[in-house]
Amino acid sequence: MLRRHMKFAAVLVVVVLALTGFSSGKGSGKGKSKGSSSSGGGGCSSSKKSNGGYAGAGSGSHYDDDDDYGSGSSSGSTADPYATSTTSGTVQARIVTCVRKASGKRKAVTYATVRVDTPSGTTGLYEIDVDFKDASGTVVDNADTEVTLESGESRTLRVTMDSPKQVSRVRTCEARATARS
């Protein structure tokens, strides 16, 4: 009887980890300019974490003080109504997490995390531009980085604000990718 309960508990743990998106991979790598990158990822991801961070599906991420976003990969089940997908030619850039102002003991996050994807058969150098916008949609700050992507490669980059003191004004982030020669 005890053995049966142990098997059930083990199966239950595996199912819970699979449903929550657990992955044991680790990220690594570097980008150019002001950005850094990582591929892969690890740990559990959820569309609803209580860390007060940002997340979005598509290329924009919206923040309200009372919202509670997670900072993991997005499966599309909880799409952000303010997010749109931005594609330039053959490369796609989308915001994973936007900046966050300081709150209580939590420090401000002055970079946006951007996921860049290229389809198979496309290799090149790309400039990734991020607009940091206020509640009215006016650009408060802009930053960019460059990344070289191989055919079918995806990479996650950090793009740091040029004027981090403006972080408290930012409500949304929008990313664009442009092919460089």
C-alpha atoms as a PDB file:
ATOM      1  CA  MET A   1       0.000   0.000   0.000  1.00  0.00           C
ATOM      2  CA  LEU A   2       2.813   2.431   0.893  1.00  0.00           C
ATOM      3  CA  ARG A   3       4.594   1.632  -2.374  1.00  0.00           C
ATOM      4  CA  ARG A   4       1.429   2.452  -4.311  1.00  0.00           C
ATOM      5  CA  HIS A   5       1.171   5.855  -2.585  1.00  0.00           C
ATOM      6  CA  MET A   6       4.838   6.604  -3.338  1.00  0.00           C
ATOM      7  CA  LYS A   7       4.319   5.838  -7.049  1.00  0.00           C
ATOM      8  CA  PHE A   8       1.248   8.064  -7.105  1.00  0.00           C
ATOM      9  CA  ALA A   9       3.157  10.900  -5.414  1.00  0.00           C
ATOM     10  CA  ALA A  10       6.039  10.587  -7.901  1.00  0.00           C
ATOM     11  CA  VAL A  11       3.668  10.697 -10.880  1.00  0.00           C
ATOM     12  CA  LEU A  12       1.865  13.676  -9.371  1.00  0.00           C
ATOM     13  CA  VAL A  13       5.144  15.608  -8.982  1.00  0.00           C
ATOM     14  CA  VAL A  14       6.107  14.918 -12.616  1.00  0.00           C
ATOM     15  CA  VAL A  15       2.691  16.054 -13.869  1.00  0.00           C
ATOM     16  CA  VAL A  16       2.778  19.266 -11.818  1.00  0.00           C
ATOM     17  CA  LEU A  17       6.283  20.112 -13.054  1.00  0.00           C
ATOM     18  CA  ALA A  18       5.286  19.407 -16.653  1.00  0.00           C
ATOM     19  CA  LEU A  19       2.166  21.571 -16.403  1.00  0.00           C
ATOM     20  CA  THR A  20       4.020  24.504 -14.836  1.00  0.00           C
ATOM     21  CA  GLY A  21       6.672  24.575 -17.559  1.00  0.00           C
ATOM     22  CA  PHE A  22       9.635  23.447 -15.485  1.00  0.00           C
ATOM     23  CA  SER A  23      12.882  23.214 -17.410  1.00  0.00           C
ATOM     24  CA  SER A  24      16.308  22.356 -16.029  1.00  0.00           C
ATOM     25  CA  GLY A  25      18.278  24.172 -18.774  1.00  0.00           C
ATOM     26  CA  LYS A  26      20.555  27.111 -18.042  1.00  0.00           C
ATOM     27  CA  GLY A  27      20.997  30.257 -20.117  1.00  0.00           C
ATOM     28  CA  SER A  28      24.314  31.621 -21.341  1.00  0.00           C
ATOM     29  CA  GLY A  29      25.820  33.839 -23.989  1.00  0.00           C
ATOM     30  CA  LYS A  30      26.469  37.511 -24.694  1.00  0.00           C
ATOM     31  CA  GLY A  31      25.198  40.104 -27.111  1.00  0.00           C
ATOM     32  CA  LYS A  32      26.850  43.227 -28.476  1.00  0.00           C
ATOM     33  CA  SER A  33      26.560  46.875 -27.491  1.00  0.00           C
ATOM     34  CA  LYS A  34      24.560  47.523 -24.324  1.00  0.00           C
ATOM     35  CA  GLY A  35      22.749  44.187 -24.419  1.00  0.00           C
ATOM     36  CA  SER A  36      23.501  40.760 -23.149  1.00  0.00           C
ATOM     37  CA  SER A  37      21.760  37.599 -24.164  1.00  0.00           C
ATOM     38  CA  SER A  38      20.922  34.135 -23.090  1.00  0.00           C
ATOM     39  CA  SER A  39      19.509  31.125 -24.785  1.00  0.00           C
ATOM     40  CA  GLY A  40      17.588  28.446 -23.041  1.00  0.00           C
ATOM     41  CA  GLY A  41      16.187  28.937 -19.587  1.00  0.00           C
ATOM     42  CA  GLY A  42      15.598  27.112 -16.400  1.00  0.00           C
ATOM     43  CA  GLY A  43      13.289  26.784 -13.484  1.00  0.00           C
ATOM     44  CA  CYS A  44       9.556  27.005 -13.351  1.00  0.00           C
ATOM     45  CA  SER A  45       7.642  29.499 -15.410  1.00  0.00           C
ATOM     46  CA  SER A  46       4.163  30.721 -14.795  1.00  0.00           C
ATOM     47  CA  SER A  47       1.904  33.357 -16.243  1.00  0.00           C
ATOM     48  CA  LYS A  48       1.134  34.557 -12.692  1.00  0.00           C
ATOM     49  CA  LYS A  49       4.056  34.957 -10.269  1.00  0.00           C
ATOM     50  CA  SER A  50       4.013  37.170  -7.231  1.00  0.00           C
ATOM     51  CA  ASN A  51       7.329  38.897  -7.887  1.00  0.00           C
ATOM     52  CA  GLY A  52       5.748  42.070  -9.242  1.00  0.00           C
ATOM     53  CA  GLY A  53       7.693  41.832 -12.500  1.00  0.00           C
ATOM     54  CA  TYR A  54       6.490  42.271 -16.034  1.00  0.00           C
ATOM     55  CA  ALA A  55       5.678  39.864 -18.810  1.00  0.00           C
ATOM     56  CA  GLY A  56       3.957  40.108 -22.104  1.00  0.00           C
ATOM     57  CA  ALA A  57       3.159  38.184 -25.235  1.00  0.00           C
ATOM     58  CA  GLY A  58       4.073  39.833 -28.501  1.00  0.00           C
ATOM     59  CA  SER A  59       6.318  42.868 -28.699  1.00  0.00           C
ATOM     60  CA  GLY A  60       4.770  45.060 -26.021  1.00  0.00           C
ATOM     61  CA  SER A  61       4.363  44.698 -22.310  1.00  0.00           C
ATOM     62  CA  HIS A  62       1.974  46.820 -20.236  1.00  0.00           C
ATOM     63  CA  TYR A  63       2.407  47.664 -16.555  1.00  0.00           C
ATOM     64  CA  ASP A  64      -0.075  48.851 -13.958  1.00  0.00           C
ATOM     65  CA  ASP A  65       0.851  49.241 -10.296  1.00  0.00           C
ATOM     66  CA  ASP A  66      -1.854  46.780  -9.277  1.00  0.00           C
ATOM     67  CA  ASP A  67      -0.970  44.159 -11.897  1.00  0.00           C
ATOM     68  CA  ASP A  68       0.979  41.057 -10.962  1.00  0.00           C
ATOM     69  CA  TYR A  69       2.956  39.702 -13.902  1.00  0.00           C
ATOM     70  CA  GLY A  70       5.465  36.877 -14.038  1.00  0.00           C
ATOM     71  CA  SER A  71       8.785  36.933 -15.800  1.00  0.00           C
ATOM     72  CA  GLY A  72       8.872  33.579 -17.541  1.00  0.00           C
ATOM     73  CA  SER A  73       8.203  32.374 -21.011  1.00  0.00           C
ATOM     74  CA  SER A  74       4.738  33.085 -22.323  1.00  0.00           C
ATOM     75  CA  SER A  75       2.644  30.275 -23.724  1.00  0.00           C
ATOM     76  CA  GLY A  76       0.096  32.637 -25.213  1.00  0.00           C
ATOM     77  CA  SER A  77      -2.671  31.637 -22.824  1.00  0.00           C
ATOM     78  CA  THR A  78      -2.622  34.991 -21.041  1.00  0.00           C
ATOM     79  CA  ALA A  79      -1.926  37.462 -23.842  1.00  0.00           C
ATOM     80  CA  ASP A  80      -1.402  41.083 -22.860  1.00  0.00           C
ATOM     81  CA  PRO A  81      -4.033  43.299 -24.551  1.00  0.00           C
ATOM     82  CA  TYR A  82      -1.377  45.978 -25.151  1.00  0.00           C
ATOM     83  CA  ALA A  83       1.094  43.647 -26.870  1.00  0.00           C
ATOM     84  CA  THR A  84       1.627  43.476 -30.599  1.00  0.00           C
ATOM     85  CA  SER A  85       4.036  41.462 -32.673  1.00  0.00           C
ATOM     86  CA  THR A  86       6.724  43.349 -34.584  1.00  0.00           C
ATOM     87  CA  THR A  87       8.366  41.680 -37.547  1.00  0.00           C
ATOM     88  CA  SER A  88      10.971  43.262 -39.805  1.00  0.00           C
ATOM     89  CA  GLY A  89      11.592  41.240 -42.948  1.00  0.00           C
ATOM     90  CA  THR A  90      12.559  37.863 -41.593  1.00  0.00           C
ATOM     91  CA  VAL A  91      13.316  38.516 -37.932  1.00  0.00           C
ATOM     92  CA  GLN A  92      10.808  38.918 -35.094  1.00  0.00           C
ATOM     93  CA  ALA A  93      11.401  40.828 -31.839  1.00  0.00           C
ATOM     94  CA  ARG A  94       9.024  40.706 -28.875  1.00  0.00           C
ATOM     95  CA  ILE A  95       9.170  42.037 -25.331  1.00  0.00           C
ATOM     96  CA  VAL A  96       9.380  39.337 -22.661  1.00  0.00           C
ATOM     97  CA  THR A  97       9.700  41.727 -19.710  1.00  0.00           C
ATOM     98  CA  CYS A  98       9.541  45.519 -19.574  1.00  0.00           C
ATOM     99  CA  VAL A  99      11.277  47.859 -17.112  1.00  0.00           C
ATOM    100  CA  ARG A 100       9.986  48.231 -13.543  1.00  0.00           C
ATOM    101  CA  LYS A 101      10.166  51.185 -11.168  1.00  0.00           C
ATOM    102  CA  ALA A 102      11.438  50.734  -7.617  1.00  0.00           C
ATOM    103  CA  SER A 103       8.800  49.831  -5.055  1.00  0.00           C
ATOM    104  CA  GLY A 104       9.463  49.371  -1.348  1.00  0.00           C
ATOM    105  CA  LYS A 105      12.605  47.268  -0.928  1.00  0.00           C
ATOM    106  CA  ARG A 106      12.481  46.127  -4.550  1.00  0.00           C
ATOM    107  CA  LYS A 107      15.040  47.849  -6.778  1.00  0.00           C
ATOM    108  CA  ALA A 108      14.139  49.307 -10.152  1.00  0.00           C
ATOM    109  CA  VAL A 109      14.759  47.204 -13.263  1.00  0.00           C
ATOM    110  CA  THR A 110      16.017  49.515 -16.008  1.00  0.00           C
ATOM    111  CA  TYR A 111      16.254  47.042 -18.870  1.00  0.00           C
ATOM    112  CA  ALA A 112      13.760  45.287 -21.112  1.00  0.00           C
ATOM    113  CA  THR A 113      14.149  41.626 -21.989  1.00  0.00           C
ATOM    114  CA  VAL A 114      13.584  41.018 -25.710  1.00  0.00           C
ATOM    115  CA  ARG A 115      13.171  37.669 -27.498  1.00  0.00           C
ATOM    116  CA  VAL A 116      14.531  37.718 -31.068  1.00  0.00           C
ATOM    117  CA  ASP A 117      13.683  34.890 -33.501  1.00  0.00           C
ATOM    118  CA  THR A 118      14.853  34.231 -37.064  1.00  0.00           C
ATOM    119  CA  PRO A 119      13.341  31.653 -39.398  1.00  0.00           C
ATOM    120  CA  SER A 120      15.370  28.897 -41.044  1.00  0.00           C
ATOM    121  CA  GLY A 121      17.490  30.020 -43.968  1.00  0.00           C
ATOM    122  CA  THR A 122      18.191  33.501 -42.569  1.00  0.00           C
ATOM    123  CA  THR A 123      21.495  34.606 -41.021  1.00  0.00           C
ATOM    124  CA  GLY A 124      22.551  38.161 -40.286  1.00  0.00           C
ATOM    125  CA  LEU A 125      23.300  41.125 -38.059  1.00  0.00           C
ATOM    126  CA  TYR A 126      20.226  42.832 -36.583  1.00  0.00           C
ATOM    127  CA  GLU A 127      19.681  46.047 -34.642  1.00  0.00           C
ATOM    128  CA  ILE A 128      17.118  45.657 -31.867  1.00  0.00           C
ATOM    129  CA  ASP A 129      15.441  48.950 -30.895  1.00  0.00           C
ATOM    130  CA  VAL A 130      13.272  49.268 -27.783  1.00  0.00           C
ATOM    131  CA  ASP A 131      10.939  52.210 -27.178  1.00  0.00           C
ATOM    132  CA  PHE A 132      10.039  52.836 -23.533  1.00  0.00           C
ATOM    133  CA  LYS A 133       6.628  54.577 -23.536  1.00  0.00           C
ATOM    134  CA  ASP A 134       4.538  56.389 -20.934  1.00  0.00           C
ATOM    135  CA  ALA A 135       0.815  55.844 -20.303  1.00  0.00           C
ATOM    136  CA  SER A 136      -0.163  58.061 -23.256  1.00  0.00           C
ATOM    137  CA  GLY A 137       2.099  56.153 -25.671  1.00  0.00           C
ATOM    138  CA  THR A 138       4.747  58.872 -25.891  1.00  0.00           C
ATOM    139  CA  VAL A 139       8.322  57.577 -26.118  1.00  0.00           C
ATOM    140  CA  VAL A 140      10.098  58.424 -22.847  1.00  0.00           C
ATOM    141  CA  ASP A 141      13.382  56.704 -23.736  1.00  0.00           C
ATOM    142  CA  ASN A 142      14.858  54.566 -26.500  1.00  0.00           C
ATOM    143  CA  ALA A 143      17.723  52.074 -26.477  1.00  0.00           C
ATOM    144  CA  ASP A 144      19.219  49.602 -28.926  1.00  0.00           C
ATOM    145  CA  THR A 145      21.648  46.728 -29.256  1.00  0.00           C
ATOM    146  CA  GLU A 146      22.985  44.593 -32.088  1.00  0.00           C
ATOM    147  CA  VAL A 147      22.918  40.824 -32.368  1.00  0.00           C
ATOM    148  CA  THR A 148      24.103  38.322 -34.981  1.00  0.00           C
ATOM    149  CA  LEU A 149      21.714  35.409 -35.447  1.00  0.00           C
ATOM    150  CA  GLU A 150      22.227  32.182 -37.342  1.00  0.00           C
ATOM    151  CA  SER A 151      19.536  30.414 -39.350  1.00  0.00           C
ATOM    152  CA  GLY A 152      16.574  29.454 -37.139  1.00  0.00           C
ATOM    153  CA  GLU A 153      18.221  30.854 -34.001  1.00  0.00           C
ATOM    154  CA  SER A 154      16.356  32.476 -31.106  1.00  0.00           C
ATOM    155  CA  ARG A 155      18.007  34.632 -28.493  1.00  0.00           C
ATOM    156  CA  THR A 156      16.901  36.578 -25.433  1.00  0.00           C
ATOM    157  CA  LEU A 157      18.582  39.974 -24.956  1.00  0.00           C
ATOM    158  CA  ARG A 158      18.636  42.623 -22.230  1.00  0.00           C
ATOM    159  CA  VAL A 159      18.305  46.149 -23.591  1.00  0.00           C
ATOM    160  CA  THR A 160      19.148  48.772 -20.952  1.00  0.00           C
ATOM    161  CA  MET A 161      17.511  52.206 -20.927  1.00  0.00           C
ATOM    162  CA  ASP A 162      19.712  55.126 -22.050  1.00  0.00           C
ATOM    163  CA  SER A 163      18.090  57.314 -19.343  1.00  0.00           C
ATOM    164  CA  PRO A 164      17.351  54.993 -16.398  1.00  0.00           C
ATOM    165  CA  LYS A 165      16.079  57.903 -14.261  1.00  0.00           C
ATOM    166  CA  GLN A 166      12.985  57.906 -16.513  1.00  0.00           C
ATOM    167  CA  VAL A 167      11.976  54.369 -15.418  1.00  0.00           C
ATOM    168  CA  SER A 168       9.124  55.600 -13.190  1.00  0.00           C
ATOM    169  CA  ARG A 169       7.389  57.143 -16.240  1.00  0.00           C
ATOM    170  CA  VAL A 170       7.485  53.968 -18.374  1.00  0.00           C
ATOM    171  CA  ARG A 171       4.277  51.938 -18.735  1.00  0.00           C
ATOM    172  CA  THR A 172       4.932  49.933 -21.925  1.00  0.00           C
ATOM    173  CA  CYS A 173       7.866  48.708 -23.985  1.00  0.00           C
ATOM    174  CA  GLU A 174       7.922  48.041 -27.720  1.00  0.00           C
ATOM    175  CA  ALA A 175      10.658  46.250 -29.683  1.00  0.00           C
ATOM    176  CA  ARG A 176      11.679  46.361 -33.360  1.00  0.00           C
ATOM    177  CA  ALA A 177      14.302  44.397 -35.260  1.00  0.00           C
ATOM    178  CA  THR A 178      16.045  45.832 -38.327  1.00  0.00           C
ATOM    179  CA  ALA A 179      18.516  43.994 -40.559  1.00  0.00           C
ATOM    180  CA  ARG A 180      21.963  45.654 -40.697  1.00  0.00           C
ATOM    181  CA  SER A 181      24.380  45.429 -43.615  1.00  0.00           C
END
